[in-house]
C-alpha cells in the first residue's frame, strides 16, 4: 500500500478482520495504546511484551469483564469476601519458581 488509495468501507471491514483490528481504529488520527496495564506487572522472568497479539488482548478484556461481573454479582447477593483476599502485600516474598510449580502440582 502506498498510502494514496482510498479504500471502501467494505474493503476496510475485510482488512480489519485479517489482523483482528477493530474497524473503528482505521478512522483514528493516531493509533491508541490499548495494552492492558497488567503487562507492566505480570510477565515471565520480567520480560517485556512489546506488542501483545490481538487475541491475547481480547482474551484479557473478556476475562476482566467476567471478573468484574462475578465481583458485582457477589456483592449484589451479599457474599462475604474470600478469606484469602488481601492477605499478601507488595512486600510479601514469593517462593522461587520451582517451589511454586511443586505447590501447584505441576511437577
N, C-alpha and C. Protein backbone atom coordinates (compact mmCIF):
# COMPACT_ATOMS: atom_id res chain seq x y z
N UNK A 1 0.83 -1.18 0.00
CA UNK A 1 0.00 0.00 0.00
C UNK A 1 0.88 1.25 0.00
N UNK A 2 0.57 2.14 -0.88
CA UNK A 2 1.36 3.37 -0.99
C UNK A 2 0.85 4.45 -0.06
N UNK A 3 -0.36 4.30 0.47
CA UNK A 3 -0.93 5.31 1.33
C UNK A 3 -1.77 6.32 0.56
N UNK A 4 -1.81 6.20 -0.76
CA UNK A 4 -2.58 7.13 -1.57
C UNK A 4 -3.98 6.64 -1.89
N UNK A 5 -4.24 5.37 -1.73
CA UNK A 5 -5.53 4.80 -2.10
C UNK A 5 -6.58 5.15 -1.05
N UNK A 6 -7.83 5.24 -1.49
CA UNK A 6 -8.94 5.47 -0.60
C UNK A 6 -9.81 4.21 -0.61
N UNK A 7 -9.64 3.34 0.40
CA UNK A 7 -10.39 2.09 0.40
C UNK A 7 -11.87 2.33 0.69
N UNK A 8 -12.68 1.42 0.23
CA UNK A 8 -14.12 1.48 0.52
C UNK A 8 -14.36 0.94 1.92
N UNK A 9 -15.56 1.17 2.43
CA UNK A 9 -15.92 0.65 3.75
C UNK A 9 -15.84 -0.88 3.75
N UNK A 10 -16.32 -1.51 2.69
CA UNK A 10 -16.26 -2.98 2.62
C UNK A 10 -14.82 -3.48 2.63
N UNK A 11 -13.93 -2.77 1.95
CA UNK A 11 -12.52 -3.17 1.95
C UNK A 11 -11.92 -3.01 3.35
N UNK A 12 -12.29 -1.94 4.06
CA UNK A 12 -11.79 -1.75 5.43
C UNK A 12 -12.31 -2.83 6.37
N UNK A 13 -13.58 -3.19 6.20
CA UNK A 13 -14.16 -4.26 7.03
C UNK A 13 -13.40 -5.55 6.80
N UNK A 14 -13.15 -5.86 5.54
CA UNK A 14 -12.42 -7.08 5.20
C UNK A 14 -10.99 -7.02 5.75
N UNK A 15 -10.35 -5.87 5.60
CA UNK A 15 -8.98 -5.70 6.08
C UNK A 15 -8.90 -5.80 7.59
N UNK A 16 -9.88 -5.27 8.30
CA UNK A 16 -9.83 -5.28 9.76
C UNK A 16 -9.93 -6.69 10.33
N UNK A 17 -10.55 -7.61 9.56
CA UNK A 17 -10.69 -8.98 10.04
C UNK A 17 -9.41 -9.78 10.01
N UNK A 18 -8.50 -9.43 9.10
CA UNK A 18 -7.27 -10.22 8.99
C UNK A 18 -6.37 -10.06 10.20
N UNK A 19 -5.99 -8.84 10.59
CA UNK A 19 -5.16 -8.73 11.80
C UNK A 19 -5.98 -8.60 13.07
N UNK A 20 -7.31 -8.74 12.93
CA UNK A 20 -8.23 -8.62 14.06
C UNK A 20 -8.11 -7.26 14.74
N UNK A 21 -8.13 -6.22 13.92
CA UNK A 21 -8.09 -4.85 14.39
C UNK A 21 -9.51 -4.32 14.40
N UNK A 22 -9.94 -3.68 15.48
CA UNK A 22 -11.30 -3.13 15.48
C UNK A 22 -11.48 -2.15 14.31
N UNK A 23 -12.62 -2.25 13.66
CA UNK A 23 -12.91 -1.46 12.46
C UNK A 23 -12.73 0.04 12.71
N UNK A 24 -13.15 0.53 13.84
CA UNK A 24 -13.07 1.96 14.14
C UNK A 24 -11.65 2.50 14.21
N UNK A 25 -10.66 1.63 14.44
CA UNK A 25 -9.27 2.08 14.53
C UNK A 25 -8.80 2.71 13.23
N UNK A 26 -9.39 2.33 12.11
CA UNK A 26 -8.98 2.89 10.82
C UNK A 26 -9.30 4.37 10.70
N UNK A 27 -10.16 4.87 11.55
CA UNK A 27 -10.60 6.26 11.45
C UNK A 27 -9.94 7.16 12.48
N UNK A 28 -9.05 6.63 13.28
CA UNK A 28 -8.34 7.43 14.28
C UNK A 28 -7.16 8.15 13.65
N UNK A 29 -6.88 9.35 14.13
CA UNK A 29 -5.73 10.12 13.63
C UNK A 29 -4.42 9.43 14.01
N UNK A 30 -4.38 8.86 15.21
CA UNK A 30 -3.20 8.15 15.70
C UNK A 30 -3.66 6.86 16.37
N UNK A 31 -2.85 5.81 16.28
CA UNK A 31 -3.25 4.56 16.95
C UNK A 31 -3.26 4.74 18.47
N UNK A 32 -4.18 4.06 19.14
CA UNK A 32 -4.23 4.14 20.59
C UNK A 32 -3.44 2.97 21.17
N UNK A 33 -2.95 3.17 22.37
CA UNK A 33 -2.26 2.09 23.07
C UNK A 33 -3.29 1.42 23.97
N UNK A 34 -3.80 0.28 23.53
CA UNK A 34 -4.80 -0.43 24.31
C UNK A 34 -4.22 -1.62 25.05
N UNK A 35 -2.91 -1.58 25.27
CA UNK A 35 -2.25 -2.65 26.01
C UNK A 35 -2.65 -2.56 27.48
N UNK A 36 -3.24 -3.60 28.04
CA UNK A 36 -3.65 -3.55 29.44
C UNK A 36 -2.46 -3.33 30.37
N UNK A 37 -2.71 -2.63 31.46
CA UNK A 37 -1.64 -2.34 32.41
C UNK A 37 -1.08 -3.60 33.06
N UNK A 38 -1.81 -4.70 32.98
CA UNK A 38 -1.33 -5.94 33.58
C UNK A 38 0.01 -6.36 32.98
N UNK A 39 0.27 -5.97 31.73
CA UNK A 39 1.53 -6.34 31.10
C UNK A 39 2.73 -5.66 31.75
N UNK A 40 2.50 -4.61 32.49
CA UNK A 40 3.59 -3.93 33.18
C UNK A 40 4.01 -4.70 34.42
N UNK A 41 3.17 -5.65 34.86
CA UNK A 41 3.43 -6.31 36.14
C UNK A 41 3.60 -7.82 36.06
N UNK A 42 2.98 -8.47 35.10
CA UNK A 42 2.95 -9.93 35.11
C UNK A 42 3.54 -10.49 33.83
N UNK A 43 4.82 -10.70 33.84
CA UNK A 43 5.48 -11.32 32.70
C UNK A 43 6.43 -12.40 33.21
N UNK A 44 6.77 -13.31 32.36
CA UNK A 44 7.69 -14.38 32.72
C UNK A 44 9.09 -13.81 32.83
N UNK A 45 9.70 -13.98 33.96
CA UNK A 45 11.06 -13.50 34.24
C UNK A 45 11.23 -12.03 33.92
N UNK A 46 10.17 -11.23 34.20
CA UNK A 46 10.19 -9.78 34.00
C UNK A 46 10.53 -9.37 32.57
N UNK A 47 10.22 -10.21 31.61
CA UNK A 47 10.49 -9.86 30.22
C UNK A 47 9.47 -8.81 29.76
N UNK A 48 9.81 -8.07 28.75
CA UNK A 48 8.96 -7.02 28.21
C UNK A 48 8.11 -7.59 27.08
N UNK A 49 6.84 -7.24 27.08
CA UNK A 49 5.96 -7.61 25.97
C UNK A 49 5.77 -6.35 25.15
N UNK A 50 6.39 -6.31 23.98
CA UNK A 50 6.32 -5.12 23.15
C UNK A 50 4.98 -4.98 22.44
N UNK A 51 4.49 -6.05 21.87
CA UNK A 51 3.26 -5.98 21.11
C UNK A 51 2.46 -7.27 21.31
N UNK A 52 1.57 -7.28 22.32
CA UNK A 52 0.77 -8.48 22.53
C UNK A 52 -0.19 -8.69 21.36
N UNK A 53 -0.54 -9.92 21.11
CA UNK A 53 -1.44 -10.23 20.00
C UNK A 53 -2.84 -9.73 20.29
N UNK A 54 -3.60 -9.51 19.26
CA UNK A 54 -5.00 -9.07 19.41
C UNK A 54 -5.80 -10.14 20.14
N UNK A 55 -5.51 -11.42 19.88
CA UNK A 55 -6.21 -12.50 20.59
C UNK A 55 -5.95 -12.42 22.09
N UNK A 56 -4.70 -12.15 22.48
CA UNK A 56 -4.38 -12.04 23.89
C UNK A 56 -5.09 -10.85 24.51
N UNK A 57 -5.11 -9.72 23.83
CA UNK A 57 -5.80 -8.54 24.35
C UNK A 57 -7.30 -8.80 24.50
N UNK A 58 -7.89 -9.44 23.50
CA UNK A 58 -9.32 -9.76 23.56
C UNK A 58 -9.62 -10.73 24.69
N UNK A 59 -8.75 -11.71 24.90
CA UNK A 59 -8.93 -12.67 25.98
C UNK A 59 -8.87 -11.96 27.34
N UNK A 60 -7.90 -11.08 27.50
CA UNK A 60 -7.79 -10.33 28.76
C UNK A 60 -9.01 -9.46 28.99
N UNK A 61 -9.50 -8.79 27.94
CA UNK A 61 -10.71 -7.98 28.08
C UNK A 61 -11.89 -8.83 28.52
N UNK A 62 -12.03 -10.00 27.91
CA UNK A 62 -13.14 -10.90 28.27
C UNK A 62 -13.03 -11.37 29.71
N UNK A 63 -11.82 -11.76 30.11
CA UNK A 63 -11.62 -12.26 31.47
C UNK A 63 -11.85 -11.16 32.50
N UNK A 64 -11.41 -9.94 32.19
CA UNK A 64 -11.63 -8.83 33.12
C UNK A 64 -13.11 -8.50 33.23
N UNK A 65 -13.84 -8.58 32.12
CA UNK A 65 -15.29 -8.34 32.16
C UNK A 65 -15.99 -9.40 33.00
N UNK A 66 -15.58 -10.66 32.85
CA UNK A 66 -16.17 -11.75 33.65
C UNK A 66 -15.84 -11.55 35.12
N UNK A 67 -14.60 -11.19 35.41
CA UNK A 67 -14.19 -10.96 36.80
C UNK A 67 -14.99 -9.82 37.42
N UNK A 68 -15.18 -8.73 36.66
CA UNK A 68 -15.97 -7.60 37.16
C UNK A 68 -17.41 -8.02 37.42
N UNK A 69 -17.99 -8.80 36.49
CA UNK A 69 -19.36 -9.26 36.65
C UNK A 69 -19.49 -10.15 37.88
N UNK A 70 -18.55 -11.09 38.04
CA UNK A 70 -18.62 -12.02 39.18
C UNK A 70 -18.48 -11.26 40.50
N UNK A 71 -17.60 -10.27 40.53
CA UNK A 71 -17.42 -9.48 41.74
C UNK A 71 -18.71 -8.74 42.07
N UNK A 72 -19.30 -8.08 41.07
CA UNK A 72 -20.53 -7.34 41.31
C UNK A 72 -21.68 -8.27 41.71
N UNK A 73 -21.74 -9.44 41.09
CA UNK A 73 -22.78 -10.40 41.43
C UNK A 73 -22.64 -10.85 42.88
N UNK A 74 -21.42 -11.09 43.31
CA UNK A 74 -21.20 -11.49 44.71
C UNK A 74 -21.60 -10.38 45.67
N UNK A 75 -21.28 -9.14 45.32
CA UNK A 75 -21.66 -8.00 46.17
C UNK A 75 -23.18 -7.89 46.22
N UNK A 76 -23.83 -8.00 45.04
CA UNK A 76 -25.29 -7.88 44.97
C UNK A 76 -26.01 -8.95 45.78
N UNK A 77 -25.39 -10.12 45.91
CA UNK A 77 -26.02 -11.22 46.64
C UNK A 77 -25.50 -11.34 48.08
N UNK A 78 -24.78 -10.35 48.54
CA UNK A 78 -24.34 -10.32 49.94
C UNK A 78 -23.26 -11.32 50.29
N UNK A 79 -22.51 -11.78 49.32
CA UNK A 79 -21.44 -12.74 49.59
C UNK A 79 -20.32 -12.06 50.39
N UNK A 80 -19.75 -12.79 51.33
CA UNK A 80 -18.62 -12.28 52.09
C UNK A 80 -17.36 -12.37 51.24
N UNK A 81 -16.42 -11.46 51.45
CA UNK A 81 -15.16 -11.55 50.70
C UNK A 81 -14.46 -12.88 50.98
N UNK A 82 -13.73 -13.38 50.01
CA UNK A 82 -12.99 -14.63 50.18
C UNK A 82 -11.95 -14.42 51.28
N UNK A 83 -11.70 -15.44 52.11
CA UNK A 83 -10.82 -15.26 53.26
C UNK A 83 -9.36 -14.96 52.89
N UNK A 84 -8.94 -15.29 51.68
CA UNK A 84 -7.55 -15.06 51.30
C UNK A 84 -7.31 -13.70 50.65
N UNK A 85 -8.39 -12.95 50.40
CA UNK A 85 -8.24 -11.65 49.76
C UNK A 85 -7.50 -10.70 50.69
N UNK A 86 -6.51 -10.02 50.18
CA UNK A 86 -5.71 -9.01 50.89
C UNK A 86 -4.82 -9.60 51.97
N UNK A 87 -4.54 -10.92 51.92
CA UNK A 87 -3.61 -11.49 52.88
C UNK A 87 -2.18 -11.09 52.58
N UNK A 88 -1.84 -10.96 51.31
CA UNK A 88 -0.49 -10.59 50.92
C UNK A 88 -0.38 -9.09 50.72
N UNK A 89 0.84 -8.62 50.74
CA UNK A 89 1.12 -7.21 50.45
C UNK A 89 2.18 -7.17 49.36
N UNK A 90 2.50 -5.98 48.93
CA UNK A 90 3.54 -5.87 47.90
C UNK A 90 4.90 -6.27 48.46
N UNK A 91 5.03 -6.39 49.76
CA UNK A 91 6.29 -6.80 50.38
C UNK A 91 6.34 -8.29 50.70
N UNK A 92 5.25 -9.01 50.43
CA UNK A 92 5.22 -10.45 50.71
C UNK A 92 6.15 -11.16 49.73
N UNK A 93 7.14 -11.91 50.24
CA UNK A 93 8.06 -12.60 49.33
C UNK A 93 7.35 -13.72 48.58
N UNK A 94 7.78 -13.95 47.37
CA UNK A 94 7.23 -15.06 46.59
C UNK A 94 8.26 -16.17 46.55
N UNK A 95 7.80 -17.42 46.57
CA UNK A 95 8.75 -18.54 46.54
C UNK A 95 9.40 -18.64 45.16
N UNK A 96 10.57 -19.25 45.10
CA UNK A 96 11.20 -19.48 43.80
C UNK A 96 10.28 -20.28 42.89
N UNK A 97 10.51 -20.18 41.60
CA UNK A 97 9.68 -20.85 40.59
C UNK A 97 9.50 -22.33 40.88
N UNK A 98 10.57 -23.01 41.27
CA UNK A 98 10.49 -24.45 41.48
C UNK A 98 9.53 -24.79 42.62
N UNK A 99 9.49 -23.98 43.66
CA UNK A 99 8.58 -24.24 44.77
C UNK A 99 7.14 -23.96 44.39
N UNK A 100 6.92 -22.93 43.55
CA UNK A 100 5.55 -22.61 43.11
C UNK A 100 5.01 -23.73 42.24
N UNK A 101 5.85 -24.29 41.38
CA UNK A 101 5.40 -25.35 40.50
C UNK A 101 5.02 -26.59 41.28
N UNK A 102 5.85 -26.97 42.26
CA UNK A 102 5.55 -28.18 43.03
C UNK A 102 4.32 -27.95 43.93
N UNK A 103 4.11 -26.73 44.40
CA UNK A 103 2.94 -26.44 45.22
C UNK A 103 1.66 -26.51 44.41
N UNK A 104 1.76 -26.21 43.12
CA UNK A 104 0.59 -26.28 42.24
C UNK A 104 0.37 -27.67 41.66
N UNK A 105 1.24 -28.58 41.96
CA UNK A 105 1.11 -29.93 41.44
C UNK A 105 1.51 -30.06 39.99
N UNK A 106 2.35 -29.17 39.50
CA UNK A 106 2.72 -29.21 38.08
C UNK A 106 4.09 -29.84 37.86
N UNK A 107 4.54 -30.64 38.82
CA UNK A 107 5.82 -31.34 38.63
C UNK A 107 5.63 -32.57 37.77
